[in-house]
Amino acid sequence: MSNCETCDSRSNCSSQPSECGTTEPEHVHAPEKLPPHDLASVRHVIGICSGKGGVGKSMVTALTAVELARAGLTVGILDADLTGPSIPRLFGLRGQLSGSEHGIFPAQSHDGIQIISVNLMLENADAPVIWRGPVISGVVKQFWTDVIWDTLDVLLIDMPPGTGDVPLTVFQSIPLDGIVMVSTPQDLVSMIVRKARNMALMMGVKVLGFVENMSLMKCPCCGEEINVFGPGYTEAAATEMNVPLFDRLPIQSQLAELADEGRIEEAPAGLLPNLITALQAIIAKP
């Protein structure tokens, strides 16, 4: 029950305490997780999250999938960012979903990464998805329960930014091994990412660690490292939260070009070494 006496809206609110939301962890209920499709096989599930848009979360998701696939693992990506899906573009996929009376088959990238995204269901990739929260949440659940994932070692969930309906749905409905938080160096972004981290803790979801994207830029002439956004605050935030800062991903024009051309699987190896090592350790568990 919420505490009306300490609520900022008590003067103009007519709701009963039992009807109100809360920010207290002990009042967040954890419903039973949904099982995957009967014909699907998914060993581990990792969420890739941020509190803020524009930090390169989908890029980190894609690079993580590519590196894990190179390591010989069977990988899938569930693109839960329904109103801003970019995973198909990164992998050069369009309109390649198929299905049967039994369920939906994910698309496959050139190197065999299994992918489900709302953009693979639209005739026009530029068409907006204008759905309300309950519909979006229902589709995200269907991407888990109705898709026939083929013997995945790990499924990565590319989450939309913030702490809205989709993260809540994923945290409540899908059995996550944990989440990786993506941030950029600015203190403001780190502050907003803390909100997403706190939401995860309230929902009983383990925060595995951080990746700092757009961390710096190397001068193409002399190799000097330039902190484009000033000194990074992600490491301090990670230390405060008692989780590791896995890797710092620099700004690279090559990555931008590969992403725009749908050739992210050609990205250089070794961009996220510590994150990949940590995830391999999780995936190695039965």
Protein backbone atom coordinates (compact mmCIF):
# COMPACT_ATOMS: atom_id res chain seq x y z
CA MET A 1 0.00 0.00 0.00
CA SER A 2 1.26 3.49 -0.82
CA ASN A 3 1.90 6.06 1.86
CA CYS A 4 -0.49 8.91 1.09
CA GLU A 5 0.94 11.13 3.80
CA THR A 6 4.27 11.41 1.98
CA CYS A 7 2.87 11.54 -1.56
CA ASP A 8 3.47 14.77 -3.48
CA SER A 9 0.05 14.44 -5.19
CA ARG A 10 -2.03 13.94 -2.06
CA SER A 11 -3.65 17.39 -2.27
CA ASN A 12 -5.30 16.76 -5.65
CA CYS A 13 -5.70 12.98 -5.65
CA SER A 14 -8.89 11.01 -5.03
CA SER A 15 -7.44 7.50 -5.39
CA GLN A 16 -7.42 4.97 -2.63
CA PRO A 17 -3.99 3.85 -1.37
CA SER A 18 -4.53 0.35 -2.73
CA GLU A 19 -5.03 1.76 -6.23
CA CYS A 20 -1.79 3.69 -6.25
CA GLY A 21 1.61 2.77 -7.60
CA THR A 22 4.68 2.63 -5.44
CA THR A 23 8.41 3.03 -5.62
CA GLU A 24 9.04 0.73 -2.69
CA PRO A 25 10.64 -2.60 -3.73
CA GLU A 26 8.69 -4.72 -1.26
CA HIS A 27 5.43 -3.83 -2.99
CA VAL A 28 6.45 -4.95 -6.46
CA HIS A 29 4.89 -8.29 -7.26
CA ALA A 30 6.71 -10.86 -9.39
CA PRO A 31 4.20 -12.96 -11.36
CA GLU A 32 5.13 -16.38 -12.61
CA LYS A 33 7.38 -16.31 -15.67
CA LEU A 34 5.97 -17.31 -19.02
CA PRO A 35 7.36 -20.45 -20.66
CA PRO A 36 8.78 -20.22 -24.18
CA HIS A 37 7.12 -21.93 -27.12
CA ASP A 38 6.79 -25.70 -26.71
CA LEU A 39 9.04 -26.24 -29.73
CA ALA A 40 11.60 -23.61 -28.73
CA SER A 41 14.83 -24.20 -26.86
CA VAL A 42 16.45 -21.27 -25.05
CA ARG A 43 19.09 -21.92 -22.40
CA HIS A 44 19.86 -18.38 -21.20
CA VAL A 45 18.32 -14.92 -21.59
CA ILE A 46 20.19 -11.63 -21.20
CA GLY A 47 18.58 -8.19 -21.39
CA ILE A 48 20.43 -5.19 -22.84
CA CYS A 49 19.02 -2.05 -21.23
CA SER A 50 19.48 1.65 -20.73
CA GLY A 51 17.57 4.41 -19.03
CA LYS A 52 18.16 6.80 -21.92
CA GLY A 53 17.64 6.64 -25.65
CA GLY A 54 20.44 7.28 -28.11
CA VAL A 55 23.21 5.58 -26.14
CA GLY A 56 23.79 2.84 -28.73
CA LYS A 57 22.05 0.02 -26.92
CA SER A 58 21.07 -1.75 -30.14
CA MET A 59 24.63 -1.45 -31.41
CA VAL A 60 25.92 -3.07 -28.21
CA THR A 61 23.27 -5.80 -28.54
CA ALA A 62 24.26 -6.50 -32.14
CA LEU A 63 28.01 -6.53 -31.42
CA THR A 64 27.47 -8.83 -28.45
CA ALA A 65 25.47 -11.26 -30.60
CA VAL A 66 28.12 -11.20 -33.32
CA GLU A 67 30.97 -11.87 -30.89
CA LEU A 68 29.11 -14.70 -29.15
CA ALA A 69 28.28 -16.28 -32.51
CA ARG A 70 31.94 -16.06 -33.51
CA ALA A 71 32.74 -17.95 -30.32
CA GLY A 72 30.62 -20.85 -31.59
CA LEU A 73 27.43 -20.16 -29.63
CA THR A 74 23.91 -20.23 -31.04
CA VAL A 75 22.50 -16.73 -30.52
CA GLY A 76 19.16 -14.99 -30.94
CA ILE A 77 17.99 -11.41 -30.60
CA LEU A 78 14.50 -10.43 -29.50
CA ASP A 79 14.02 -6.81 -30.57
CA ALA A 80 11.71 -5.51 -27.84
CA ASP A 81 12.07 -1.89 -28.95
CA LEU A 82 8.85 -2.09 -30.94
CA THR A 83 8.41 1.61 -31.65
CA GLY A 84 12.05 2.16 -32.59
CA PRO A 85 13.35 -1.15 -33.95
CA SER A 86 16.82 -1.01 -35.47
CA ILE A 87 18.16 -4.57 -35.15
CA PRO A 88 16.99 -5.70 -38.64
CA ARG A 89 18.71 -2.70 -40.25
CA LEU A 90 21.98 -3.48 -38.48
CA PHE A 91 21.92 -7.02 -39.90
CA GLY A 92 20.58 -6.11 -43.35
CA LEU A 93 17.27 -7.95 -42.86
CA ARG A 94 13.83 -7.01 -44.13
CA GLY A 95 10.50 -8.83 -44.28
CA GLN A 96 11.92 -12.31 -43.77
CA LEU A 97 9.66 -13.83 -41.12
CA SER A 98 7.77 -17.03 -41.82
CA GLY A 99 5.58 -19.29 -39.75
CA SER A 100 3.20 -22.19 -39.59
CA GLU A 101 0.20 -23.23 -37.56
CA HIS A 102 2.67 -24.06 -34.80
CA GLY A 103 4.29 -20.64 -34.44
CA ILE A 104 6.60 -17.99 -35.86
CA PHE A 105 10.09 -18.74 -37.16
CA PRO A 106 12.71 -16.07 -36.54
CA ALA A 107 14.70 -14.60 -39.40
CA GLN A 108 18.36 -15.54 -39.66
CA SER A 109 21.27 -13.26 -40.33
CA HIS A 110 24.10 -14.11 -42.72
CA ASP A 111 26.01 -15.81 -39.89
CA GLY A 112 23.00 -17.60 -38.43
CA ILE A 113 21.90 -15.23 -35.65
CA GLN A 114 18.16 -15.70 -35.10
CA ILE A 115 16.22 -12.43 -35.00
CA ILE A 116 12.64 -11.40 -34.29
CA SER A 117 11.53 -7.79 -34.72
CA VAL A 118 8.32 -5.98 -35.53
CA ASN A 119 10.06 -4.41 -38.53
CA LEU A 120 10.34 -7.89 -40.05
CA MET A 121 6.54 -8.04 -40.01
CA LEU A 122 5.88 -4.72 -41.75
CA GLU A 123 5.54 -4.29 -45.51
CA ASN A 124 7.09 -0.83 -45.19
CA ALA A 125 10.03 -0.63 -42.79
CA ASP A 126 9.40 3.11 -42.41
CA ALA A 127 5.82 2.63 -41.21
CA PRO A 128 5.36 3.80 -37.60
CA VAL A 129 4.12 1.44 -34.93
CA ILE A 130 1.30 3.38 -33.27
CA TRP A 131 0.18 1.02 -30.53
CA ARG A 132 -0.74 1.65 -26.94
CA GLY A 133 1.18 0.14 -24.06
CA PRO A 134 -0.96 -2.98 -23.49
CA VAL A 135 -0.73 -3.96 -27.17
CA ILE A 136 3.03 -3.44 -27.22
CA SER A 137 3.44 -5.48 -24.06
CA GLY A 138 1.32 -8.25 -25.56
CA VAL A 139 3.45 -8.40 -28.70
CA VAL A 140 6.66 -8.59 -26.65
CA LYS A 141 5.20 -11.55 -24.75
CA GLN A 142 4.29 -13.20 -28.06
CA PHE A 143 7.86 -12.77 -29.30
CA TRP A 144 8.80 -14.99 -26.36
CA THR A 145 5.89 -17.47 -26.27
CA ASP A 146 4.99 -17.79 -29.97
CA VAL A 147 8.41 -17.81 -31.64
CA ILE A 148 10.12 -21.13 -32.30
CA TRP A 149 13.67 -20.31 -31.26
CA ASP A 150 15.93 -23.06 -32.52
CA THR A 151 18.25 -24.41 -29.79
CA LEU A 152 19.65 -21.11 -28.55
CA ASP A 153 22.55 -20.97 -26.13
CA VAL A 154 21.55 -17.38 -25.38
CA LEU A 155 18.78 -14.97 -26.33
CA LEU A 156 19.60 -11.27 -26.12
CA ILE A 157 16.68 -8.90 -25.57
CA ASP A 158 17.21 -5.42 -27.00
CA MET A 159 15.04 -3.30 -24.70
CA PRO A 160 13.59 0.15 -25.35
CA PRO A 161 14.99 2.92 -23.15
CA GLY A 162 13.40 3.94 -19.91
CA THR A 163 11.31 2.17 -17.29
CA GLY A 164 7.98 1.87 -19.10
CA ASP A 165 5.65 -0.93 -20.14
CA VAL A 166 8.11 -3.07 -22.12
CA PRO A 167 10.89 -3.32 -19.50
CA LEU A 168 8.23 -4.03 -16.88
CA THR A 169 6.73 -6.75 -19.10
CA VAL A 170 10.11 -8.34 -19.82
CA PHE A 171 11.22 -8.25 -16.18
CA GLN A 172 7.94 -9.79 -15.02
CA SER A 173 7.30 -12.30 -17.80
CA ILE A 174 10.61 -13.60 -19.17
CA PRO A 175 13.15 -15.56 -17.08
CA LEU A 176 16.25 -13.37 -17.33
CA ASP A 177 19.71 -14.43 -16.22
CA GLY A 178 20.46 -10.74 -15.82
CA ILE A 179 20.78 -7.45 -17.68
CA VAL A 180 23.65 -5.40 -19.07
CA MET A 181 23.30 -1.63 -18.76
CA VAL A 182 24.51 0.60 -21.61
CA SER A 183 25.48 4.19 -20.91
CA THR A 184 27.50 7.04 -22.38
CA PRO A 185 30.06 9.07 -20.43
CA GLN A 186 27.87 12.02 -19.43
CA ASP A 187 26.84 12.32 -15.79
CA LEU A 188 23.23 13.05 -16.83
CA VAL A 189 23.00 9.76 -18.72
CA SER A 190 24.53 7.86 -15.81
CA MET A 191 21.92 9.35 -13.51
CA ILE A 192 19.07 8.26 -15.77
CA VAL A 193 20.57 4.79 -16.19
CA ARG A 194 20.46 4.48 -12.39
CA LYS A 195 16.67 4.62 -12.64
CA ALA A 196 16.63 1.59 -14.95
CA ARG A 197 19.07 -0.20 -12.66
CA ASN A 198 16.91 0.53 -9.62
CA MET A 199 13.84 -0.73 -11.46
CA ALA A 200 15.65 -4.00 -12.21
CA LEU A 201 16.58 -4.43 -8.55
CA MET A 202 13.00 -3.73 -7.50
CA MET A 203 11.88 -6.47 -9.90
CA GLY A 204 14.46 -8.95 -8.64
CA VAL A 205 16.50 -8.85 -11.87
CA LYS A 206 20.28 -9.10 -11.57
CA VAL A 207 22.38 -6.27 -13.01
CA LEU A 208 25.47 -7.90 -14.51
CA GLY A 209 27.41 -4.72 -15.28
CA PHE A 210 27.89 -1.76 -17.59
CA VAL A 211 29.16 -1.00 -21.07
CA GLU A 212 30.12 2.61 -21.76
CA ASN A 213 29.43 3.42 -25.41
CA MET A 214 30.86 6.41 -27.30
CA SER A 215 33.49 6.46 -24.60
CA LEU A 216 36.17 8.27 -26.57
CA MET A 217 37.49 8.88 -30.06
CA LYS A 218 40.97 8.10 -31.32
CA CYS A 219 42.60 10.71 -33.55
CA PRO A 220 43.16 9.07 -36.97
CA CYS A 221 46.43 10.97 -37.38
CA CYS A 222 48.25 10.56 -34.06
CA GLY A 223 46.16 8.06 -32.13
CA GLU A 224 45.47 10.47 -29.25
CA GLU A 225 42.40 9.49 -27.24
CA ILE A 226 39.89 12.34 -27.14
CA ASN A 227 37.10 12.39 -24.57
CA VAL A 228 34.43 13.91 -26.81
CA PHE A 229 31.86 14.06 -24.01
CA GLY A 230 34.32 14.99 -21.28
CA PRO A 231 35.42 12.72 -18.43
CA GLY A 232 33.36 9.57 -18.12
CA TYR A 233 31.04 9.03 -15.16
CA THR A 234 30.05 5.44 -15.94
CA GLU A 235 32.88 3.87 -13.96
CA ALA A 236 31.93 5.86 -10.87
CA ALA A 237 28.29 4.83 -11.32
CA ALA A 238 29.27 1.18 -11.72
CA THR A 239 31.46 1.34 -8.60
CA GLU A 240 28.64 2.96 -6.66
CA MET A 241 26.31 0.15 -7.75
CA ASN A 242 28.93 -2.51 -7.01
CA VAL A 243 28.88 -3.94 -10.54
CA PRO A 244 31.69 -4.07 -13.11
CA LEU A 245 32.25 -1.70 -16.00
CA PHE A 246 32.88 -4.39 -18.59
CA ASP A 247 34.10 -2.38 -21.56
CA ARG A 248 34.39 1.07 -23.08
CA LEU A 249 33.35 1.18 -26.73
CA PRO A 250 34.97 4.06 -28.65
CA ILE A 251 33.37 6.13 -31.38
CA GLN A 252 34.31 4.50 -34.70
CA SER A 253 33.21 5.71 -38.11
CA GLN A 254 33.72 2.17 -39.43
CA LEU A 255 31.04 0.83 -37.09
CA ALA A 256 28.61 3.53 -38.19
CA GLU A 257 29.20 2.66 -41.83
CA LEU A 258 28.74 -1.07 -41.23
CA ALA A 259 25.55 -0.40 -39.27
CA ASP A 260 24.07 1.83 -41.98
CA GLU A 261 24.91 -0.76 -44.65
CA GLY A 262 23.49 -3.72 -42.68
CA ARG A 263 26.89 -5.36 -42.37
CA ILE A 264 27.41 -5.32 -38.61
CA GLU A 265 28.63 -8.93 -38.75
CA GLU A 266 31.77 -7.61 -40.43
CA ALA A 267 32.66 -5.50 -37.37
CA PRO A 268 36.20 -5.90 -36.00
CA ALA A 269 36.63 -8.60 -33.37
CA GLY A 270 37.46 -7.91 -29.75
CA LEU A 271 35.42 -4.74 -29.18
CA LEU A 272 33.70 -6.07 -26.02
CA PRO A 273 36.17 -8.60 -24.59
CA ASN A 274 35.23 -8.40 -20.92
CA LEU A 275 31.49 -8.49 -21.55
CA ILE A 276 31.84 -11.52 -23.82
CA THR A 277 33.98 -13.35 -21.24
CA ALA A 278 31.40 -12.65 -18.52
CA LEU A 279 28.51 -13.84 -20.69
CA GLN A 280 30.37 -16.97 -21.76
CA ALA A 281 30.79 -17.84 -18.08
CA ILE A 282 27.03 -17.48 -17.55
CA ILE A 283 26.20 -19.47 -20.68
CA ALA A 284 28.58 -22.25 -19.64
CA LYS A 285 26.38 -22.93 -16.62
CA PRO A 286 23.71 -25.63 -17.09
